[in-house]
Amino acid sequence: MPLPADTACPPDYRETYPDILEEAEISGWKQLTRKRDNLFLLMLCVGLFSFGTFLFLLINKSAKRAVPKNQQGKSSEMKRNVQEISLGEFESMKTGSAAPGYISVMHYEISLSVEGTTLGLLQREREIYNRRNRLRSVVELAVNSASDQELDEPDLASLRASVLERINEALGENKVQDVLFPHYARFRLPISP
């Protein structure tokens, strides 16, 4: 089988190695030096790469949809968290104007709710721990100066707001978002004459 005239082989190469050239033509692959063959292979590679990229993006997008929304972004360190920091248990006694001859005894626990990033929460917890005794005295002062109506509220909203305001004043800025009473018990005892 003769080679076409436009083949890019030197004339002496055709005469010296005719059997090699015939094997290349018999195998079905033409010389890769032809421009249209190189263009075909280039287009084939680009097409396969584009198809693979499209499949990857499609699979990745469907995998993101499969992740529950409450788990998305948990690895982010900038996510804001809420933490409760306990100031401990308290006991207070106070004479009430509503019931003369009786003393009110209160047993309660206070937790401070703070919000921030993980690093910010660690700093606030350290600051609250360092000022723990001052904050405890602020809480006792606020509870002891509360009226009987404030102490008898079911959700202690007025007392919580008063304690929150005084604690943020003691800390210097609004670092605490809420004051919680996980345990609160109040009862009256008669004063013996």
N, C-alpha and C. Protein backbone atom coordinates (compact mmCIF):
# COMPACT_ATOMS: atom_id res chain seq x y z
N MET A 1 0.85 -1.16 0.00
CA MET A 1 0.00 0.00 0.00
C MET A 1 0.90 1.24 0.00
N PRO A 2 0.76 2.10 -0.97
CA PRO A 2 1.64 3.26 -1.04
C PRO A 2 1.18 4.36 -0.08
N LEU A 3 2.11 5.17 0.36
CA LEU A 3 1.82 6.29 1.24
C LEU A 3 1.37 7.50 0.44
N PRO A 4 0.47 8.30 1.01
CA PRO A 4 0.08 9.52 0.30
C PRO A 4 1.26 10.46 0.14
N ALA A 5 1.14 11.31 -0.82
CA ALA A 5 2.25 12.20 -1.13
C ALA A 5 2.44 13.27 -0.06
N ASP A 6 1.39 13.61 0.69
CA ASP A 6 1.52 14.68 1.68
C ASP A 6 2.03 14.18 3.03
N THR A 7 2.47 12.93 3.14
CA THR A 7 3.00 12.40 4.40
C THR A 7 4.30 13.12 4.73
N ALA A 8 4.48 13.43 5.99
CA ALA A 8 5.63 14.22 6.41
C ALA A 8 6.84 13.36 6.70
N CYS A 9 7.17 12.41 5.87
CA CYS A 9 8.38 11.59 6.04
C CYS A 9 9.38 11.99 4.95
N PRO A 10 10.62 12.05 5.30
CA PRO A 10 11.62 12.35 4.26
C PRO A 10 11.65 11.23 3.22
N PRO A 11 11.97 11.54 1.98
CA PRO A 11 11.94 10.53 0.93
C PRO A 11 12.86 9.35 1.20
N ASP A 12 14.03 9.59 1.76
CA ASP A 12 14.94 8.48 2.02
C ASP A 12 14.42 7.58 3.13
N TYR A 13 13.61 8.08 4.02
CA TYR A 13 13.03 7.28 5.10
C TYR A 13 12.03 6.29 4.54
N ARG A 14 11.26 6.68 3.52
CA ARG A 14 10.30 5.78 2.90
C ARG A 14 11.00 4.60 2.23
N GLU A 15 12.10 4.90 1.64
CA GLU A 15 12.82 3.83 0.93
C GLU A 15 13.53 2.91 1.90
N THR A 16 14.04 3.45 3.01
CA THR A 16 14.81 2.64 3.94
C THR A 16 13.92 1.77 4.80
N TYR A 17 12.78 2.31 5.27
CA TYR A 17 11.92 1.58 6.21
C TYR A 17 10.49 1.45 5.69
N PRO A 18 10.25 0.79 4.61
CA PRO A 18 8.89 0.69 4.08
C PRO A 18 8.00 -0.20 4.94
N ASP A 19 8.55 -1.22 5.60
CA ASP A 19 7.72 -2.13 6.39
C ASP A 19 7.16 -1.45 7.65
N ILE A 20 7.90 -0.52 8.26
CA ILE A 20 7.41 0.18 9.44
C ILE A 20 6.24 1.08 9.08
N LEU A 21 6.35 1.77 7.98
CA LEU A 21 5.27 2.65 7.55
C LEU A 21 4.02 1.86 7.19
N GLU A 22 4.19 0.69 6.60
CA GLU A 22 3.04 -0.14 6.27
C GLU A 22 2.34 -0.64 7.52
N GLU A 23 3.09 -0.99 8.57
CA GLU A 23 2.49 -1.43 9.83
C GLU A 23 1.67 -0.32 10.46
N ALA A 24 2.14 0.92 10.38
CA ALA A 24 1.40 2.05 10.95
C ALA A 24 0.08 2.25 10.22
N GLU A 25 0.06 2.07 8.91
CA GLU A 25 -1.16 2.22 8.16
C GLU A 25 -2.10 1.04 8.37
N ILE A 26 -1.58 -0.15 8.55
CA ILE A 26 -2.40 -1.34 8.75
C ILE A 26 -3.10 -1.26 10.11
N SER A 27 -2.43 -0.76 11.13
CA SER A 27 -3.02 -0.70 12.47
C SER A 27 -4.18 0.28 12.56
N GLY A 28 -4.40 1.11 11.60
CA GLY A 28 -5.53 2.01 11.61
C GLY A 28 -5.20 3.41 12.11
N TRP A 29 -4.03 3.59 12.68
CA TRP A 29 -3.64 4.91 13.17
C TRP A 29 -2.72 5.55 12.15
N LYS A 30 -3.09 6.69 11.72
CA LYS A 30 -2.26 7.42 10.77
C LYS A 30 -1.17 8.15 11.53
N GLN A 31 -0.29 8.70 10.83
CA GLN A 31 0.80 9.44 11.45
C GLN A 31 0.22 10.59 12.28
N LEU A 32 0.72 10.75 13.51
CA LEU A 32 0.23 11.81 14.39
C LEU A 32 0.80 13.17 14.02
N THR A 33 1.66 13.20 13.02
CA THR A 33 2.22 14.48 12.59
C THR A 33 1.26 15.27 11.74
N ARG A 34 0.17 14.66 11.32
CA ARG A 34 -0.80 15.38 10.51
C ARG A 34 -1.58 16.35 11.40
N LYS A 35 -1.86 17.50 10.92
CA LYS A 35 -2.49 18.55 11.70
C LYS A 35 -3.91 18.18 12.11
N ARG A 36 -4.67 17.58 11.26
CA ARG A 36 -6.05 17.26 11.62
C ARG A 36 -6.12 16.18 12.68
N ASP A 37 -5.18 15.26 12.70
CA ASP A 37 -5.16 14.23 13.75
C ASP A 37 -4.83 14.85 15.10
N ASN A 38 -3.87 15.76 15.11
CA ASN A 38 -3.51 16.43 16.36
C ASN A 38 -4.68 17.26 16.87
N LEU A 39 -5.39 17.92 15.99
CA LEU A 39 -6.54 18.72 16.38
C LEU A 39 -7.64 17.83 16.94
N PHE A 40 -7.86 16.68 16.32
CA PHE A 40 -8.87 15.74 16.81
C PHE A 40 -8.53 15.26 18.23
N LEU A 41 -7.27 14.88 18.45
CA LEU A 41 -6.87 14.43 19.79
C LEU A 41 -6.98 15.55 20.81
N LEU A 42 -6.62 16.76 20.42
CA LEU A 42 -6.74 17.90 21.33
C LEU A 42 -8.20 18.14 21.70
N MET A 43 -9.08 18.12 20.72
CA MET A 43 -10.50 18.31 20.99
C MET A 43 -11.06 17.17 21.85
N LEU A 44 -10.61 15.97 21.62
CA LEU A 44 -11.04 14.83 22.42
C LEU A 44 -10.62 15.00 23.88
N CYS A 45 -9.38 15.41 24.12
CA CYS A 45 -8.90 15.61 25.50
C CYS A 45 -9.66 16.74 26.20
N VAL A 46 -9.88 17.84 25.48
CA VAL A 46 -10.61 18.96 26.07
C VAL A 46 -12.04 18.55 26.39
N GLY A 47 -12.67 17.81 25.50
CA GLY A 47 -14.04 17.36 25.74
C GLY A 47 -14.13 16.44 26.93
N LEU A 48 -13.20 15.48 27.05
CA LEU A 48 -13.20 14.57 28.20
C LEU A 48 -12.95 15.32 29.50
N PHE A 49 -12.03 16.28 29.48
CA PHE A 49 -11.76 17.07 30.67
C PHE A 49 -12.99 17.87 31.09
N SER A 50 -13.66 18.50 30.11
CA SER A 50 -14.86 19.29 30.41
C SER A 50 -15.98 18.42 30.96
N PHE A 51 -16.16 17.24 30.38
CA PHE A 51 -17.20 16.33 30.85
C PHE A 51 -16.90 15.87 32.28
N GLY A 52 -15.63 15.55 32.55
CA GLY A 52 -15.24 15.14 33.90
C GLY A 52 -15.47 16.25 34.92
N THR A 53 -15.14 17.49 34.55
CA THR A 53 -15.35 18.64 35.44
C THR A 53 -16.84 18.83 35.71
N PHE A 54 -17.66 18.71 34.66
CA PHE A 54 -19.10 18.85 34.82
C PHE A 54 -19.64 17.79 35.77
N LEU A 55 -19.21 16.54 35.63
CA LEU A 55 -19.66 15.47 36.52
C LEU A 55 -19.23 15.73 37.96
N PHE A 56 -18.00 16.19 38.15
CA PHE A 56 -17.50 16.48 39.49
C PHE A 56 -18.35 17.57 40.16
N LEU A 57 -18.63 18.65 39.43
CA LEU A 57 -19.44 19.73 40.00
C LEU A 57 -20.85 19.27 40.30
N LEU A 58 -21.41 18.44 39.44
CA LEU A 58 -22.76 17.94 39.66
C LEU A 58 -22.82 17.06 40.90
N ILE A 59 -21.84 16.18 41.07
CA ILE A 59 -21.81 15.28 42.23
C ILE A 59 -21.56 16.08 43.50
N ASN A 60 -20.65 17.06 43.42
CA ASN A 60 -20.33 17.88 44.59
C ASN A 60 -21.54 18.70 45.04
N LYS A 61 -22.29 19.23 44.08
CA LYS A 61 -23.47 20.02 44.42
C LYS A 61 -24.54 19.16 45.07
N SER A 62 -24.75 17.96 44.57
CA SER A 62 -25.76 17.08 45.16
C SER A 62 -25.31 16.58 46.54
N ALA A 63 -24.00 16.44 46.74
CA ALA A 63 -23.50 16.02 48.06
C ALA A 63 -23.71 17.12 49.09
N LYS A 64 -23.57 18.38 48.69
CA LYS A 64 -23.81 19.48 49.63
C LYS A 64 -25.27 19.55 50.03
N ARG A 65 -26.16 19.23 49.11
CA ARG A 65 -27.58 19.23 49.44
C ARG A 65 -27.91 18.13 50.43
N ALA A 66 -27.17 17.03 50.38
CA ALA A 66 -27.46 15.90 51.25
C ALA A 66 -27.06 16.16 52.69
N VAL A 67 -26.15 17.11 52.94
CA VAL A 67 -25.71 17.43 54.30
C VAL A 67 -26.82 18.22 54.99
N PRO A 68 -27.27 17.80 56.18
CA PRO A 68 -28.32 18.54 56.89
C PRO A 68 -27.87 19.98 57.17
N LYS A 69 -28.85 20.88 57.18
CA LYS A 69 -28.53 22.30 57.34
C LYS A 69 -27.94 22.61 58.71
N ASN A 70 -28.30 21.82 59.72
CA ASN A 70 -27.76 22.11 61.05
C ASN A 70 -26.31 21.68 61.18
N GLN A 71 -25.79 20.89 60.22
CA GLN A 71 -24.39 20.49 60.27
C GLN A 71 -23.51 21.34 59.38
N GLN A 72 -24.09 22.13 58.48
CA GLN A 72 -23.30 22.97 57.60
C GLN A 72 -22.67 24.10 58.40
N GLY A 73 -21.41 24.34 58.16
CA GLY A 73 -20.71 25.44 58.80
C GLY A 73 -20.25 25.17 60.21
N LYS A 74 -20.33 23.93 60.70
CA LYS A 74 -19.89 23.66 62.06
C LYS A 74 -18.37 23.74 62.19
N SER A 75 -17.68 23.55 61.10
CA SER A 75 -16.23 23.61 61.17
C SER A 75 -15.71 25.04 61.19
N SER A 76 -16.56 25.98 60.95
CA SER A 76 -16.14 27.37 60.94
C SER A 76 -15.86 27.84 62.37
N GLU A 77 -14.68 28.44 62.54
CA GLU A 77 -14.33 28.91 63.88
C GLU A 77 -14.97 30.27 64.18
N MET A 78 -15.51 30.93 63.18
CA MET A 78 -16.11 32.23 63.39
C MET A 78 -17.59 32.11 63.75
N LYS A 79 -18.08 30.92 63.87
CA LYS A 79 -19.48 30.74 64.23
C LYS A 79 -19.70 31.23 65.66
N ARG A 80 -20.82 31.88 65.88
CA ARG A 80 -21.12 32.41 67.20
C ARG A 80 -21.83 31.35 68.03
N ASN A 81 -21.40 31.20 69.24
CA ASN A 81 -21.96 30.22 70.18
C ASN A 81 -22.51 30.94 71.40
N VAL A 82 -23.37 30.24 72.13
CA VAL A 82 -23.90 30.75 73.39
C VAL A 82 -23.45 29.81 74.48
N GLN A 83 -22.97 30.37 75.57
CA GLN A 83 -22.48 29.56 76.68
C GLN A 83 -23.03 30.12 77.98
N GLU A 84 -23.33 29.22 78.90
CA GLU A 84 -23.78 29.62 80.23
C GLU A 84 -22.63 29.43 81.21
N ILE A 85 -22.37 30.49 81.97
CA ILE A 85 -21.29 30.45 82.96
C ILE A 85 -21.93 30.61 84.33
N SER A 86 -21.72 29.62 85.17
CA SER A 86 -22.37 29.62 86.50
C SER A 86 -21.59 30.49 87.48
N LEU A 87 -22.35 31.27 88.26
CA LEU A 87 -21.75 32.03 89.36
C LEU A 87 -21.92 31.29 90.68
N GLY A 88 -22.60 30.16 90.65
CA GLY A 88 -22.75 29.35 91.85
C GLY A 88 -24.09 29.53 92.53
N GLU A 89 -24.18 28.97 93.74
CA GLU A 89 -25.41 29.02 94.52
C GLU A 89 -25.33 30.16 95.53
N PHE A 90 -26.50 30.71 95.86
CA PHE A 90 -26.62 31.83 96.79
C PHE A 90 -27.71 31.52 97.81
N GLU A 91 -27.55 32.13 98.97
CA GLU A 91 -28.60 32.10 99.99
C GLU A 91 -28.72 33.51 100.53
N SER A 92 -29.95 33.99 100.58
CA SER A 92 -30.20 35.35 101.08
C SER A 92 -31.38 35.32 102.04
N MET A 93 -31.33 36.22 103.00
CA MET A 93 -32.46 36.40 103.93
C MET A 93 -32.82 37.87 103.93
N LYS A 94 -34.12 38.12 103.99
CA LYS A 94 -34.58 39.49 103.91
C LYS A 94 -35.93 39.60 104.60
N THR A 95 -36.11 40.67 105.35
CA THR A 95 -37.42 40.91 105.96
C THR A 95 -38.29 41.60 104.92
N GLY A 96 -39.50 41.14 104.79
CA GLY A 96 -40.40 41.69 103.79
C GLY A 96 -41.40 42.64 104.40
N SER A 97 -41.77 43.66 103.64
CA SER A 97 -42.76 44.63 104.11
C SER A 97 -44.17 44.08 103.93
N ALA A 98 -44.36 43.11 103.05
CA ALA A 98 -45.70 42.56 102.80
C ALA A 98 -46.14 41.65 103.94
N ALA A 99 -45.21 41.00 104.59
CA ALA A 99 -45.55 40.07 105.68
C ALA A 99 -44.69 40.40 106.89
N PRO A 100 -45.14 41.35 107.74
CA PRO A 100 -44.34 41.67 108.93
C PRO A 100 -44.31 40.48 109.89
N GLY A 101 -43.20 40.32 110.56
CA GLY A 101 -43.03 39.20 111.48
C GLY A 101 -42.48 37.96 110.79
N TYR A 102 -42.21 38.05 109.51
CA TYR A 102 -41.66 36.93 108.76
C TYR A 102 -40.38 37.37 108.06
N ILE A 103 -39.53 36.41 107.83
CA ILE A 103 -38.29 36.65 107.09
C ILE A 103 -38.33 35.79 105.83
N SER A 104 -37.96 36.37 104.71
CA SER A 104 -37.89 35.62 103.45
C SER A 104 -36.52 34.98 103.32
N VAL A 105 -36.52 33.72 103.04
CA VAL A 105 -35.28 32.97 102.80
C VAL A 105 -35.30 32.55 101.34
N MET A 106 -34.22 32.89 100.65
CA MET A 106 -34.11 32.55 99.22
C MET A 106 -32.87 31.71 98.99
N HIS A 107 -33.08 30.65 98.25
CA HIS A 107 -31.96 29.80 97.82
C HIS A 107 -32.04 29.76 96.29
N TYR A 108 -30.97 30.19 95.64
CA TYR A 108 -31.01 30.27 94.17
C TYR A 108 -29.62 30.05 93.59
N GLU A 109 -29.63 29.80 92.31
CA GLU A 109 -28.40 29.62 91.54
C GLU A 109 -28.47 30.58 90.35
N ILE A 110 -27.34 31.17 90.00
CA ILE A 110 -27.29 32.14 88.89
C ILE A 110 -26.32 31.62 87.83
N SER A 111 -26.75 31.73 86.56
CA SER A 111 -25.89 31.48 85.41
C SER A 111 -25.97 32.68 84.49
N LEU A 112 -24.83 33.02 83.91
CA LEU A 112 -24.76 34.14 82.98
C LEU A 112 -24.66 33.58 81.56
N SER A 113 -25.48 34.08 80.67
CA SER A 113 -25.47 33.64 79.27
C SER A 113 -24.66 34.64 78.45
N VAL A 114 -23.59 34.15 77.83
CA VAL A 114 -22.74 34.99 76.99
C VAL A 114 -22.71 34.40 75.58
N GLU A 115 -22.48 35.27 74.61
CA GLU A 115 -22.46 34.85 73.21
C GLU A 115 -21.18 35.36 72.56
N GLY A 116 -20.63 34.56 71.65
CA GLY A 116 -19.44 34.99 70.92
C GLY A 116 -18.79 33.83 70.21
N THR A 117 -17.65 34.11 69.59
CA THR A 117 -16.88 33.06 68.95
C THR A 117 -16.20 32.22 70.03
N THR A 118 -15.61 31.14 69.62
CA THR A 118 -14.98 30.24 70.59
C THR A 118 -13.89 30.96 71.39
N LEU A 119 -13.08 31.72 70.71
CA LEU A 119 -12.02 32.46 71.38
C LEU A 119 -12.60 33.55 72.28
N GLY A 120 -13.62 34.24 71.79
CA GLY A 120 -14.26 35.28 72.59
C GLY A 120 -14.91 34.73 73.84
N LEU A 121 -15.51 33.54 73.74
CA LEU A 121 -16.13 32.91 74.92
C LEU A 121 -15.09 32.55 75.96
N LEU A 122 -13.95 32.08 75.54
CA LEU A 122 -12.89 31.75 76.49
C LEU A 122 -12.41 33.00 77.23
N GLN A 123 -12.28 34.09 76.51
CA GLN A 123 -11.84 35.34 77.15
C GLN A 123 -12.89 35.85 78.13
N ARG A 124 -14.17 35.77 77.76
CA ARG A 124 -15.23 36.23 78.67
C ARG A 124 -15.34 35.34 79.88
N GLU A 125 -15.19 34.05 79.69
CA GLU A 125 -15.25 33.14 80.83
C GLU A 125 -14.10 33.43 81.80
N ARG A 126 -12.92 33.69 81.28
CA ARG A 126 -11.77 34.01 82.13
C ARG A 126 -12.02 35.32 82.87
N GLU A 127 -12.57 36.32 82.18
CA GLU A 127 -12.85 37.60 82.82
C GLU A 127 -13.91 37.46 83.91
N ILE A 128 -14.95 36.70 83.65
CA ILE A 128 -16.00 36.49 84.66
C ILE A 128 -15.43 35.72 85.85
N TYR A 129 -14.60 34.73 85.57
CA TYR A 129 -14.00 33.97 86.68
C TYR A 129 -13.10 34.88 87.52
N ASN A 130 -12.33 35.76 86.88
CA ASN A 130 -11.43 36.65 87.62
C ASN A 130 -12.21 37.66 88.46
N ARG A 131 -13.42 38.04 88.04
CA ARG A 131 -14.24 39.00 88.78
C ARG A 131 -15.41 38.31 89.49
N ARG A 132 -15.29 37.06 89.73
CA ARG A 132 -16.36 36.25 90.30
C ARG A 132 -16.88 36.80 91.63
N ASN A 133 -16.00 37.14 92.55
CA ASN A 133 -16.42 37.63 93.87
C ASN A 133 -17.15 38.96 93.76
N ARG A 134 -16.67 39.83 92.91
CA ARG A 134 -17.35 41.13 92.71
C ARG A 134 -18.74 40.90 92.11
N LEU A 135 -18.84 40.01 91.13
CA LEU A 135 -20.13 39.74 90.49
C LEU A 135 -21.10 39.08 91.47
N ARG A 136 -20.60 38.22 92.33
CA ARG A 136 -21.47 37.58 93.32
C ARG A 136 -22.04 38.63 94.29
N SER A 137 -21.21 39.59 94.70
CA SER A 137 -21.72 40.63 95.61
C SER A 137 -22.73 41.53 94.89
N VAL A 138 -22.55 41.78 93.58
CA VAL A 138 -23.51 42.56 92.81
C VAL A 138 -24.84 41.82 92.74
N VAL A 139 -24.80 40.51 92.53
CA VAL A 139 -26.02 39.71 92.46
C VAL A 139 -26.75 39.74 93.80
N GLU A 140 -26.03 39.53 94.89
CA GLU A 140 -26.66 39.54 96.22
C GLU A 140 -27.28 40.89 96.52
N LEU A 141 -26.61 41.97 96.16
CA LEU A 141 -27.15 43.31 96.39
C LEU A 141 -28.43 43.53 95.58
N ALA A 142 -28.44 43.07 94.33
CA ALA A 142 -29.63 43.24 93.48
C ALA A 142 -30.80 42.42 94.01
N VAL A 143 -30.55 41.19 94.43
CA VAL A 143 -31.64 40.34 94.94
C VAL A 143 -32.16 40.87 96.27
N ASN A 144 -31.27 41.29 97.16
CA ASN A 144 -31.71 41.79 98.46
C ASN A 144 -32.44 43.13 98.36
N SER A 145 -32.17 43.91 97.34
CA SER A 145 -32.87 45.19 97.19
C SER A 145 -34.14 45.06 96.34
N ALA A 146 -34.45 43.88 95.85
CA ALA A 146 -35.65 43.67 95.03
C ALA A 146 -36.90 43.71 95.91
N SER A 147 -37.99 44.15 95.31
CA SER A 147 -39.26 44.20 96.06
C SER A 147 -39.88 42.80 96.11
N ASP A 148 -40.90 42.67 97.00
CA ASP A 148 -41.58 41.37 97.10
C ASP A 148 -42.29 41.00 95.80
N GLN A 149 -42.81 41.99 95.08
CA GLN A 149 -43.48 41.71 93.80
C GLN A 149 -42.48 41.15 92.78
N GLU A 150 -41.28 41.72 92.75
CA GLU A 150 -40.26 41.22 91.82
C GLU A 150 -39.84 39.80 92.17
N LEU A 151 -39.76 39.52 93.47
CA LEU A 151 -39.34 38.18 93.90
C LEU A 151 -40.44 37.14 93.72
N ASP A 152 -41.70 37.58 93.61
CA ASP A 152 -42.81 36.64 93.44
C ASP A 152 -43.21 36.42 91.98
N GLU A 153 -42.58 37.13 91.03
CA GLU A 153 -42.91 36.93 89.61
C GLU A 153 -42.55 35.50 89.20
N PRO A 154 -43.40 34.85 88.39
CA PRO A 154 -43.11 33.46 87.99
C PRO A 154 -41.83 33.33 87.15
N ASP A 155 -41.57 34.28 86.25
CA ASP A 155 -40.37 34.19 85.42
C ASP A 155 -39.23 35.08 85.90
N LEU A 156 -39.43 35.81 86.99
CA LEU A 156 -38.44 36.71 87.59
C LEU A 156 -37.86 37.70 86.57
N ALA A 157 -38.70 38.17 85.64
CA ALA A 157 -38.23 39.03 84.55
C ALA A 157 -37.63 40.33 85.07
N SER A 158 -38.28 40.98 86.00
CA SER A 158 -37.77 42.26 86.53
C SER A 158 -36.45 42.06 87.28
N LEU A 159 -36.40 41.01 88.08
CA LEU A 159 -35.17 40.71 88.83
C LEU A 159 -34.03 40.37 87.88
N ARG A 160 -34.31 39.57 86.86
CA ARG A 160 -33.28 39.20 85.89
C ARG A 160 -32.75 40.43 85.16
N ALA A 161 -33.66 41.35 84.80
CA ALA A 161 -33.23 42.57 84.10
C ALA A 161 -32.37 43.44 85.02
N SER A 162 -32.74 43.53 86.29
CA SER A 162 -31.96 44.32 87.24
C SER A 162 -30.57 43.73 87.45
N VAL A 163 -30.52 42.41 87.63
CA VAL A 163 -29.22 41.74 87.83
C VAL A 163 -28.36 41.88 86.58
N LEU A 164 -28.96 41.73 85.41
CA LEU A 164 -28.22 41.84 84.14
C LEU A 164 -27.61 43.23 83.99
N GLU A 165 -28.39 44.25 84.29
CA GLU A 165 -27.89 45.62 84.17
C GLU A 165 -26.71 45.85 85.12
N ARG A 166 -26.83 45.40 86.34
CA ARG A 166 -25.75 45.62 87.32
C ARG A 166 -24.49 44.81 86.98
N ILE A 167 -24.67 43.61 86.46
CA ILE A 167 -23.50 42.80 86.09
C ILE A 167 -22.77 43.43 84.91
N ASN A 168 -23.51 43.90 83.90
CA ASN A 168 -22.85 44.54 82.76
C ASN A 168 -22.16 45.84 83.17
N GLU A 169 -22.71 46.55 84.15
CA GLU A 169 -22.03 47.74 84.68
C GLU A 169 -20.72 47.34 85.36
N ALA A 170 -20.74 46.24 86.10
CA ALA A 170 -19.53 45.80 86.80
C ALA A 170 -18.46 45.31 85.83
N LEU A 171 -18.88 44.73 84.70
CA LEU A 171 -17.92 44.24 83.71
C LEU A 171 -17.42 45.34 82.78
N GLY A 172 -18.14 46.44 82.72
CA GLY A 172 -17.68 47.55 81.90
C GLY A 172 -18.35 47.67 80.55
N GLU A 173 -18.94 46.64 80.03
CA GLU A 173 -19.68 46.71 78.76
C GLU A 173 -20.70 45.59 78.73
N ASN A 174 -21.51 45.55 77.69
CA ASN A 174 -22.59 44.56 77.60
C ASN A 174 -22.04 43.22 77.12
N LYS A 175 -21.35 42.54 78.01
CA LYS A 175 -20.77 41.25 77.66
C LYS A 175 -21.72 40.09 77.96
N VAL A 176 -22.67 40.31 78.85
CA VAL A 176 -23.62 39.26 79.24
C VAL A 176 -24.95 39.56 78.57
N GLN A 177 -25.53 38.55 77.90
CA GLN A 177 -26.80 38.74 77.20
C GLN A 177 -28.01 38.45 78.08
N ASP A 178 -27.88 37.53 79.04
CA ASP A 178 -29.03 37.17 79.86
C ASP A 178 -28.54 36.59 81.18
N VAL A 179 -29.41 36.69 82.17
CA VAL A 179 -29.16 36.11 83.49
C VAL A 179 -30.21 35.03 83.70
N LEU A 180 -29.75 33.86 84.08
CA LEU A 180 -30.65 32.72 84.26
C LEU A 180 -30.66 32.27 85.71
N PHE A 181 -31.82 31.84 86.16
CA PHE A 181 -31.97 31.27 87.50
C PHE A 181 -32.33 29.79 87.31
N PRO A 182 -31.34 28.89 87.18
CA PRO A 182 -31.66 27.48 87.00
C PRO A 182 -32.39 26.89 88.21
N HIS A 183 -32.10 27.43 89.38
CA HIS A 183 -32.76 26.96 90.60
C HIS A 183 -33.12 28.20 91.43
N TYR A 184 -34.39 28.28 91.84
CA TYR A 184 -34.83 29.41 92.66
C TYR A 184 -35.91 28.92 93.61
N ALA A 185 -35.68 29.09 94.90
CA ALA A 185 -36.68 28.72 95.91
C ALA A 185 -36.76 29.86 96.93
N ARG A 186 -38.00 30.24 97.25
CA ARG A 186 -38.22 31.31 98.23
C ARG A 186 -39.32 30.87 99.18
N PHE A 187 -39.06 31.02 100.45
CA PHE A 187 -40.08 30.70 101.45
C PHE A 187 -39.93 31.66 102.62
N ARG A 188 -40.99 31.73 103.45
CA ARG A 188 -41.01 32.64 104.59
C ARG A 188 -40.97 31.85 105.89
N LEU A 189 -40.23 32.39 106.84
CA LEU A 189 -40.15 31.78 108.17
C LEU A 189 -40.57 32.84 109.19
N PRO A 190 -41.30 32.43 110.23
CA PRO A 190 -41.68 33.42 111.26
C PRO A 190 -40.47 33.82 112.08
N ILE A 191 -40.49 35.09 112.46
CA ILE A 191 -39.40 35.59 113.33
C ILE A 191 -39.84 35.34 114.76
N SER A 192 -39.01 34.68 115.52
CA SER A 192 -39.39 34.41 116.92
C SER A 192 -39.23 35.68 117.74
N PRO A 193 -40.17 35.91 118.69
CA PRO A 193 -40.11 37.14 119.50
C PRO A 193 -39.00 37.15 120.50
